[in-house]
Amino acid sequence: MTDKIDFKREVDAYRARPGRLDLVDVPDLRYLMIDGHGDPNTPAFTDATEALYPLAYKLKFASKRTLGRDYVVMPLEGLWWADDMDTFTASRDKSRWDWTLMIMVPDWVDQGMFADAVDQVAATGRPRRLDDVRLDSLSEGRCVQTLHVGAYDDETAVLARMHHEFIPANGLRMVGRHHEIYLSDARRTAPEKLRTILRQPVR
């Protein structure tokens, strides 16, 4: 039996520093993914998370039991986009946001393991959006990222600096989707202490 792997420590892209905007090269990674639209403070967002987490834990236990490879379940992540990206920095109009929620899984998790996990979760109480979850890879490459400490609604100034100052000043342009990694459990952490990696793919 191998030691439990914590990919937050193994993958450099899961490390960021507050107050700094850094360029990082993010490897291709595999995720459980589910799509949605609108304000994250709604039942639709809750339904999405309630479909992801049972699958993430079923896959962890299956990996440990059948492959002898144990790992820490990774934090929730989100891709966010809108027709007008200023809805994230200027107007903060959450009703116009599109999103994909994700949990990273090891590259040895294949479609067969995923299908088995879906069947196991369905057998013990099917989450409303279980059938909408997929196993897929994400290729981001070069990105700008930082660690934001504080409430989610206080990200605006950091994102404005990232989008409108740092990226153009370094001869870059935004590509892909705004990416957030939620290192804290919002249910148990005071808003001012939340730790979130903010990432933007660039070229």
Protein backbone atom coordinates (compact mmCIF):
# COMPACT_ATOMS: atom_id res chain seq x y z
CA MET A 1 0.00 0.00 0.00
CA THR A 2 1.46 3.38 -0.98
CA ASP A 3 1.22 6.53 1.10
CA LYS A 4 -1.74 8.84 0.56
CA ILE A 5 -0.93 11.40 -2.15
CA ASP A 6 -1.95 15.04 -1.72
CA PHE A 7 -1.86 16.54 -5.21
CA LYS A 8 -2.07 20.06 -3.78
CA ARG A 9 1.52 19.45 -2.69
CA GLU A 10 2.59 17.45 -5.74
CA VAL A 11 1.34 19.82 -8.47
CA ASP A 12 3.00 23.26 -8.49
CA ALA A 13 -0.10 24.89 -10.00
CA TYR A 14 -1.94 24.37 -6.69
CA ARG A 15 0.42 26.78 -4.94
CA ALA A 16 0.00 30.54 -5.10
CA ARG A 17 0.95 33.55 -2.99
CA PRO A 18 -1.24 36.41 -1.79
CA GLY A 19 -0.41 39.85 -3.12
CA ARG A 20 1.54 38.45 -6.09
CA LEU A 21 0.55 37.75 -9.67
CA ASP A 22 2.70 34.93 -11.02
CA LEU A 23 3.02 33.16 -14.35
CA VAL A 24 2.68 29.38 -14.05
CA ASP A 25 2.59 26.51 -16.51
CA VAL A 26 -0.34 24.27 -15.66
CA PRO A 27 -0.15 20.64 -16.83
CA ASP A 28 -3.09 18.89 -18.46
CA LEU A 29 -5.26 17.58 -15.62
CA ARG A 30 -8.30 15.31 -15.35
CA TYR A 31 -11.50 16.39 -13.62
CA LEU A 32 -15.02 15.47 -12.71
CA MET A 33 -17.00 18.28 -14.37
CA ILE A 34 -20.55 19.62 -14.36
CA ASP A 35 -21.90 22.73 -16.12
CA GLY A 36 -24.34 25.40 -14.99
CA HIS A 37 -25.48 28.99 -15.36
CA GLY A 38 -26.34 31.91 -13.13
CA ASP A 39 -25.80 33.07 -9.56
CA PRO A 40 -23.79 30.56 -7.48
CA ASN A 41 -26.00 31.39 -4.48
CA THR A 42 -28.85 29.28 -5.89
CA PRO A 43 -30.13 25.69 -5.63
CA ALA A 44 -28.72 24.93 -9.10
CA PHE A 45 -25.19 25.45 -7.79
CA THR A 46 -25.90 23.31 -4.74
CA ASP A 47 -27.30 20.53 -6.94
CA ALA A 48 -24.07 20.55 -8.94
CA THR A 49 -21.81 20.23 -5.90
CA GLU A 50 -24.02 17.49 -4.46
CA ALA A 51 -23.46 15.46 -7.63
CA LEU A 52 -19.67 15.95 -7.69
CA TYR A 53 -18.63 15.11 -4.14
CA PRO A 54 -20.13 11.59 -3.81
CA LEU A 55 -18.44 10.60 -7.08
CA ALA A 56 -15.11 12.05 -5.95
CA TYR A 57 -15.18 9.99 -2.76
CA LYS A 58 -16.33 6.80 -4.50
CA LEU A 59 -13.39 7.13 -6.90
CA LYS A 60 -10.94 7.71 -4.05
CA PHE A 61 -12.10 4.59 -2.21
CA ALA A 62 -12.12 2.52 -5.40
CA SER A 63 -8.57 3.60 -6.19
CA LYS A 64 -7.40 2.67 -2.71
CA ARG A 65 -9.26 -0.65 -2.67
CA THR A 66 -8.58 -1.95 -6.19
CA LEU A 67 -5.30 -0.24 -7.13
CA GLY A 68 -3.67 0.31 -3.75
CA ARG A 69 -3.33 4.00 -4.63
CA ASP A 70 -4.77 6.37 -2.03
CA TYR A 71 -5.07 10.12 -2.39
CA VAL A 72 -6.64 13.15 -0.77
CA VAL A 73 -9.89 14.27 -2.43
CA MET A 74 -9.11 17.57 -4.12
CA PRO A 75 -10.91 20.87 -3.47
CA LEU A 76 -13.81 22.19 -5.49
CA GLU A 77 -12.82 24.30 -8.50
CA GLY A 78 -14.78 26.44 -10.92
CA LEU A 79 -14.41 27.77 -14.44
CA TRP A 80 -16.35 31.01 -14.90
CA TRP A 81 -17.19 33.01 -18.01
CA ALA A 82 -19.71 35.40 -19.53
CA ASP A 83 -20.27 37.18 -22.84
CA ASP A 84 -18.91 40.32 -21.15
CA MET A 85 -16.07 39.55 -18.74
CA ASP A 86 -16.63 42.92 -17.03
CA THR A 87 -19.54 41.20 -15.26
CA PHE A 88 -16.81 39.77 -13.00
CA THR A 89 -14.94 42.99 -12.32
CA ALA A 90 -17.20 45.98 -12.94
CA SER A 91 -20.89 45.17 -12.65
CA ARG A 92 -20.52 41.82 -10.79
CA ASP A 93 -23.75 40.62 -12.41
CA LYS A 94 -23.90 37.02 -11.23
CA SER A 95 -27.09 36.24 -13.14
CA ARG A 96 -25.06 36.41 -16.38
CA TRP A 97 -22.33 34.00 -15.31
CA ASP A 98 -21.77 30.56 -16.81
CA TRP A 99 -19.76 28.01 -14.88
CA THR A 100 -18.27 24.55 -14.80
CA LEU A 101 -17.65 23.07 -11.36
CA MET A 102 -14.83 20.54 -11.10
CA ILE A 103 -12.90 18.24 -8.79
CA MET A 104 -9.49 17.05 -9.98
CA VAL A 105 -8.86 13.29 -10.03
CA PRO A 106 -5.64 11.35 -10.75
CA ASP A 107 -4.80 10.48 -14.34
CA TRP A 108 -5.17 6.77 -13.54
CA VAL A 109 -8.92 7.24 -13.04
CA ASP A 110 -10.42 6.05 -16.34
CA GLN A 111 -13.88 5.98 -17.85
CA GLY A 112 -14.52 2.49 -16.53
CA MET A 113 -13.81 3.54 -12.93
CA PHE A 114 -15.96 6.61 -13.46
CA ALA A 115 -18.91 4.59 -14.78
CA ASP A 116 -18.68 2.19 -11.83
CA ALA A 117 -18.64 5.13 -9.38
CA VAL A 118 -21.75 6.62 -11.02
CA ASP A 119 -23.55 3.29 -10.61
CA GLN A 120 -22.53 3.05 -6.94
CA VAL A 121 -23.68 6.59 -6.14
CA ALA A 122 -26.97 6.03 -7.98
CA ALA A 123 -27.62 2.89 -5.95
CA THR A 124 -27.39 4.72 -2.63
CA GLY A 125 -29.53 7.78 -3.42
CA ARG A 126 -29.21 9.47 -6.79
CA PRO A 127 -28.23 13.18 -6.64
CA ARG A 128 -30.45 15.33 -8.84
CA ARG A 129 -27.71 16.06 -11.42
CA LEU A 130 -25.66 12.87 -11.22
CA ASP A 131 -26.14 12.07 -14.92
CA ASP A 132 -24.78 15.50 -15.90
CA VAL A 133 -21.32 14.84 -14.45
CA ARG A 134 -18.58 13.87 -16.90
CA LEU A 135 -14.93 12.84 -16.66
CA ASP A 136 -12.79 15.06 -18.88
CA SER A 137 -9.38 16.70 -19.19
CA LEU A 138 -8.50 20.39 -19.16
CA SER A 139 -5.51 21.91 -20.92
CA GLU A 140 -4.69 25.43 -19.69
CA GLY A 141 -0.95 25.84 -20.21
CA ARG A 142 0.50 29.26 -19.35
CA CYS A 143 -1.60 31.08 -16.75
CA VAL A 144 -1.50 34.06 -14.41
CA GLN A 145 -2.56 33.27 -10.88
CA THR A 146 -2.61 34.57 -7.33
CA LEU A 147 -3.96 33.61 -3.92
CA HIS A 148 -6.90 35.72 -2.77
CA VAL A 149 -7.58 35.77 0.97
CA GLY A 150 -11.03 37.10 1.75
CA ALA A 151 -14.65 37.00 0.68
CA TYR A 152 -15.50 35.94 -2.85
CA ASP A 153 -17.16 39.29 -3.56
CA ASP A 154 -13.90 41.04 -2.66
CA GLU A 155 -12.09 39.45 -5.64
CA THR A 156 -13.12 42.33 -7.91
CA ALA A 157 -10.07 44.55 -7.37
CA VAL A 158 -7.66 41.62 -7.74
CA LEU A 159 -9.28 40.50 -10.99
CA ALA A 160 -9.31 44.06 -12.36
CA ARG A 161 -5.57 44.31 -11.68
CA MET A 162 -4.95 40.90 -13.25
CA HIS A 163 -7.10 41.50 -16.36
CA HIS A 164 -6.44 45.17 -17.07
CA GLU A 165 -2.93 45.80 -15.72
CA PHE A 166 -0.69 42.74 -15.30
CA ILE A 167 -1.76 40.78 -18.38
CA PRO A 168 -1.49 43.60 -20.97
CA ALA A 169 1.66 44.99 -19.31
CA ASN A 170 3.37 41.64 -19.92
CA GLY A 171 2.35 41.47 -23.58
CA LEU A 172 -0.25 38.80 -22.93
CA ARG A 173 -3.93 38.34 -23.74
CA MET A 174 -6.61 36.38 -21.94
CA VAL A 175 -7.70 33.04 -23.40
CA GLY A 176 -9.82 30.29 -21.93
CA ARG A 177 -11.91 30.75 -18.81
CA HIS A 178 -11.39 32.36 -15.43
CA HIS A 179 -10.52 29.58 -12.97
CA GLU A 180 -10.99 29.51 -9.21
CA ILE A 181 -9.72 26.88 -6.76
CA TYR A 182 -11.47 26.91 -3.39
CA LEU A 183 -8.87 25.89 -0.82
CA SER A 184 -11.22 26.66 2.09
CA ASP A 185 -14.54 25.14 3.05
CA ALA A 186 -16.93 28.10 2.86
CA ARG A 187 -19.32 26.34 5.27
CA ARG A 188 -16.70 26.35 8.04
CA THR A 189 -14.53 29.38 7.27
CA ALA A 190 -15.19 33.05 7.99
CA PRO A 191 -15.50 35.03 4.73
CA GLU A 192 -12.45 37.17 5.51
CA LYS A 193 -10.30 34.02 5.87
CA LEU A 194 -11.34 32.19 2.69
CA ARG A 195 -8.36 31.16 0.54
CA THR A 196 -8.99 31.01 -3.22
CA ILE A 197 -6.53 30.62 -6.08
CA LEU A 198 -7.55 32.93 -8.95
CA ARG A 199 -6.21 31.80 -12.33
CA GLN A 200 -6.46 33.15 -15.87
CA PRO A 201 -5.03 31.31 -18.91
CA VAL A 202 -3.05 33.61 -21.21
CA ARG A 203 -1.13 33.58 -24.46
